[in-house]
N, C-alpha and C. Protein backbone atom coordinates (compact mmCIF):
# COMPACT_ATOMS: atom_id res chain seq x y z
N MET A 1 121.95 102.26 105.01
CA MET A 1 123.15 102.16 104.22
C MET A 1 123.50 103.55 103.68
N ALA A 2 124.77 103.79 103.44
CA ALA A 2 125.24 105.08 102.95
C ALA A 2 124.72 105.36 101.54
N PRO A 3 124.56 106.64 101.18
CA PRO A 3 124.08 106.97 99.84
C PRO A 3 125.06 106.60 98.72
N LYS A 4 126.32 106.45 99.04
CA LYS A 4 127.33 106.04 98.05
C LYS A 4 128.22 104.97 98.66
N LEU A 5 128.50 103.97 97.88
CA LEU A 5 129.42 102.91 98.30
C LEU A 5 130.54 102.81 97.29
N GLY A 6 131.75 102.58 97.73
CA GLY A 6 132.88 102.44 96.82
C GLY A 6 133.72 101.23 97.19
N VAL A 7 134.36 100.66 96.21
CA VAL A 7 135.27 99.54 96.41
C VAL A 7 136.52 99.84 95.60
N LYS A 8 137.67 99.70 96.22
CA LYS A 8 138.93 99.91 95.51
C LYS A 8 139.70 98.59 95.47
N PHE A 9 140.30 98.31 94.32
CA PHE A 9 141.14 97.14 94.16
C PHE A 9 142.44 97.57 93.52
N SER A 10 143.54 97.14 94.06
CA SER A 10 144.81 97.44 93.42
C SER A 10 145.01 96.44 92.28
N PRO A 11 145.73 96.84 91.23
CA PRO A 11 146.03 95.88 90.15
C PRO A 11 146.73 94.63 90.66
N ARG A 12 147.55 94.75 91.70
CA ARG A 12 148.27 93.58 92.24
C ARG A 12 147.31 92.58 92.85
N MET A 13 146.25 93.05 93.54
CA MET A 13 145.30 92.13 94.12
C MET A 13 144.52 91.40 93.02
N ILE A 14 144.10 92.14 91.99
CA ILE A 14 143.40 91.52 90.87
C ILE A 14 144.33 90.54 90.15
N GLU A 15 145.61 90.89 90.04
CA GLU A 15 146.59 89.98 89.43
C GLU A 15 146.63 88.66 90.20
N MET A 16 146.70 88.71 91.52
CA MET A 16 146.76 87.49 92.32
C MET A 16 145.50 86.65 92.14
N LEU A 17 144.33 87.29 92.10
CA LEU A 17 143.08 86.55 91.93
C LEU A 17 142.99 85.91 90.55
N ALA A 18 143.42 86.62 89.50
CA ALA A 18 143.42 86.06 88.15
C ALA A 18 144.44 84.93 88.05
N ARG A 19 145.59 85.12 88.65
CA ARG A 19 146.67 84.13 88.58
C ARG A 19 146.23 82.77 89.11
N ILE A 20 145.47 82.76 90.19
CA ILE A 20 145.05 81.49 90.79
C ILE A 20 143.72 80.98 90.24
N GLY A 21 143.09 81.75 89.33
CA GLY A 21 141.79 81.34 88.80
C GLY A 21 140.72 81.39 89.88
N ALA A 22 140.74 82.45 90.70
CA ALA A 22 139.81 82.57 91.82
C ALA A 22 138.37 82.42 91.38
N ARG A 23 137.59 81.78 92.22
CA ARG A 23 136.16 81.60 91.97
C ARG A 23 135.38 82.55 92.88
N ILE A 24 134.43 83.25 92.28
CA ILE A 24 133.56 84.14 93.03
C ILE A 24 132.17 83.51 92.98
N THR A 25 131.60 83.24 94.15
CA THR A 25 130.30 82.59 94.23
C THR A 25 129.24 83.58 94.65
N GLY A 26 128.15 83.61 93.89
CA GLY A 26 127.05 84.51 94.20
C GLY A 26 126.01 83.84 95.08
N GLU A 27 124.91 84.53 95.29
CA GLU A 27 123.88 84.05 96.21
C GLU A 27 122.89 83.08 95.59
N HIS A 28 122.87 82.92 94.27
CA HIS A 28 121.83 82.12 93.63
C HIS A 28 122.38 80.87 92.95
N GLY A 29 123.50 80.34 93.45
CA GLY A 29 124.04 79.10 92.92
C GLY A 29 124.94 79.24 91.72
N PHE A 30 125.24 80.46 91.30
CA PHE A 30 126.14 80.67 90.18
C PHE A 30 127.48 81.16 90.70
N SER A 31 128.53 80.86 89.96
CA SER A 31 129.85 81.36 90.31
C SER A 31 130.59 81.70 89.03
N ALA A 32 131.69 82.42 89.18
CA ALA A 32 132.53 82.78 88.04
C ALA A 32 133.98 82.63 88.44
N ARG A 33 134.76 82.08 87.53
CA ARG A 33 136.22 82.04 87.72
C ARG A 33 136.78 83.19 86.89
N LEU A 34 137.75 83.90 87.46
CA LEU A 34 138.35 85.01 86.71
C LEU A 34 139.07 84.51 85.47
N THR A 35 139.72 83.37 85.57
CA THR A 35 140.32 82.70 84.42
C THR A 35 140.12 81.20 84.62
N GLU A 36 139.91 80.48 83.55
CA GLU A 36 139.54 79.06 83.67
C GLU A 36 140.60 78.24 84.40
N HIS A 37 141.85 78.40 84.02
CA HIS A 37 142.92 77.59 84.63
C HIS A 37 143.97 78.44 85.33
N GLY A 38 143.69 79.71 85.55
CA GLY A 38 144.67 80.58 86.16
C GLY A 38 145.73 81.01 85.16
N ILE A 39 146.74 81.69 85.65
CA ILE A 39 147.85 82.16 84.82
C ILE A 39 149.08 81.33 85.19
N PRO A 40 149.78 80.75 84.23
CA PRO A 40 150.96 79.93 84.55
C PRO A 40 151.99 80.72 85.37
N GLU A 41 152.64 80.01 86.25
CA GLU A 41 153.58 80.62 87.19
C GLU A 41 154.71 81.39 86.51
N GLU A 42 155.14 80.92 85.32
CA GLU A 42 156.28 81.57 84.66
C GLU A 42 155.89 82.86 83.94
N TYR A 43 154.61 83.23 83.93
CA TYR A 43 154.16 84.48 83.32
C TYR A 43 154.16 85.59 84.37
N HIS A 44 154.55 86.78 83.96
CA HIS A 44 154.64 87.92 84.87
C HIS A 44 153.76 89.05 84.35
N LEU A 45 153.19 89.81 85.27
CA LEU A 45 152.38 90.95 84.89
C LEU A 45 153.28 92.01 84.26
N VAL A 46 152.95 92.44 83.03
CA VAL A 46 153.76 93.45 82.35
C VAL A 46 152.98 94.74 82.10
N LYS A 47 151.66 94.66 82.16
CA LYS A 47 150.87 95.88 81.93
C LYS A 47 149.48 95.71 82.51
N SER A 48 148.96 96.77 83.09
CA SER A 48 147.57 96.78 83.55
C SER A 48 147.02 98.18 83.30
N GLY A 49 145.73 98.27 83.20
CA GLY A 49 145.13 99.58 82.98
C GLY A 49 143.67 99.46 82.63
N MET A 50 143.13 100.54 82.07
CA MET A 50 141.74 100.57 81.67
C MET A 50 141.65 101.05 80.23
N ASP A 51 140.89 100.31 79.42
CA ASP A 51 140.68 100.70 78.03
C ASP A 51 139.81 101.95 78.03
N PRO A 52 140.30 103.05 77.47
CA PRO A 52 139.55 104.30 77.52
C PRO A 52 138.22 104.27 76.76
N GLU A 53 138.11 103.38 75.77
CA GLU A 53 136.86 103.30 75.00
C GLU A 53 135.81 102.43 75.67
N THR A 54 136.20 101.22 76.10
CA THR A 54 135.23 100.28 76.67
C THR A 54 135.14 100.36 78.19
N LYS A 55 136.12 101.02 78.81
CA LYS A 55 136.21 101.11 80.28
C LYS A 55 136.50 99.76 80.93
N ASP A 56 136.97 98.79 80.13
CA ASP A 56 137.34 97.48 80.67
C ASP A 56 138.71 97.58 81.34
N PHE A 57 138.83 97.01 82.53
CA PHE A 57 140.12 96.91 83.22
C PHE A 57 140.83 95.69 82.64
N PHE A 58 142.14 95.80 82.41
CA PHE A 58 142.85 94.66 81.83
C PHE A 58 144.18 94.42 82.53
N LEU A 59 144.63 93.18 82.44
CA LEU A 59 145.96 92.75 82.89
C LEU A 59 146.59 92.00 81.72
N ILE A 60 147.85 92.27 81.43
CA ILE A 60 148.58 91.54 80.38
C ILE A 60 149.80 90.90 81.02
N PHE A 61 149.94 89.60 80.80
CA PHE A 61 151.05 88.82 81.34
C PHE A 61 151.93 88.37 80.19
N SER A 62 153.21 88.20 80.47
CA SER A 62 154.15 87.73 79.46
C SER A 62 155.09 86.71 80.10
N LYS A 63 155.44 85.70 79.33
CA LYS A 63 156.32 84.65 79.84
C LYS A 63 157.70 85.19 80.18
N SER A 64 158.20 86.11 79.39
CA SER A 64 159.55 86.62 79.63
C SER A 64 159.57 87.76 80.66
N GLY A 65 158.40 88.28 81.00
CA GLY A 65 158.35 89.41 81.90
C GLY A 65 158.64 90.73 81.19
N ALA A 66 158.67 90.71 79.86
CA ALA A 66 158.91 91.93 79.08
C ALA A 66 157.74 92.13 78.14
N ARG A 67 157.55 93.37 77.71
CA ARG A 67 156.49 93.65 76.73
C ARG A 67 156.90 93.10 75.38
N ILE A 68 156.10 92.22 74.84
CA ILE A 68 156.39 91.57 73.56
C ILE A 68 155.39 92.09 72.54
N PRO A 69 155.84 92.51 71.36
CA PRO A 69 154.89 93.00 70.35
C PRO A 69 154.00 91.87 69.84
N GLY A 70 152.86 92.26 69.28
CA GLY A 70 151.95 91.28 68.71
C GLY A 70 150.66 91.19 69.49
N PRO A 71 149.75 90.32 69.01
CA PRO A 71 148.43 90.22 69.63
C PRO A 71 148.47 89.57 71.01
N VAL A 72 147.44 89.85 71.79
CA VAL A 72 147.27 89.26 73.12
C VAL A 72 146.18 88.19 73.02
N GLU A 73 146.41 87.04 73.60
CA GLU A 73 145.36 86.01 73.69
C GLU A 73 144.57 86.31 74.95
N TRP A 74 143.37 86.87 74.78
CA TRP A 74 142.55 87.28 75.92
C TRP A 74 141.84 86.09 76.54
N LEU A 75 141.94 85.97 77.86
CA LEU A 75 141.25 84.93 78.61
C LEU A 75 140.05 85.56 79.28
N GLY A 76 138.89 84.99 79.12
CA GLY A 76 137.69 85.55 79.74
C GLY A 76 137.28 84.79 80.97
N PRO A 77 136.40 85.36 81.76
CA PRO A 77 135.89 84.65 82.92
C PRO A 77 135.03 83.47 82.49
N VAL A 78 134.91 82.48 83.36
CA VAL A 78 134.13 81.29 83.11
C VAL A 78 132.99 81.27 84.11
N TYR A 79 131.75 81.21 83.62
CA TYR A 79 130.59 81.18 84.50
C TYR A 79 130.15 79.75 84.70
N GLU A 80 129.78 79.42 85.94
CA GLU A 80 129.41 78.04 86.30
C GLU A 80 128.14 78.04 87.11
N LYS A 81 127.40 76.95 87.06
CA LYS A 81 126.25 76.75 87.95
C LYS A 81 126.65 75.68 88.93
N GLU A 82 126.53 75.98 90.20
CA GLU A 82 126.93 75.04 91.25
C GLU A 82 126.02 73.84 91.31
């Protein structure tokens, strides 16, 4: 195997996976959904990026498709045992 491996994901691909609540299954019977119920169809991606302090990648969706002031209700991944 190569001494370095890299994986690139565009924000649009991650948006599609989060939107549908994609499930990622590992080798030991565990899986994770990116979001429990997905993102409602009427919500649109309005911002994506990386938090400079935590290095967390984020996506923010809004019902109107515009940036709305105020807090964000963060949805976390859901871990499951098959």
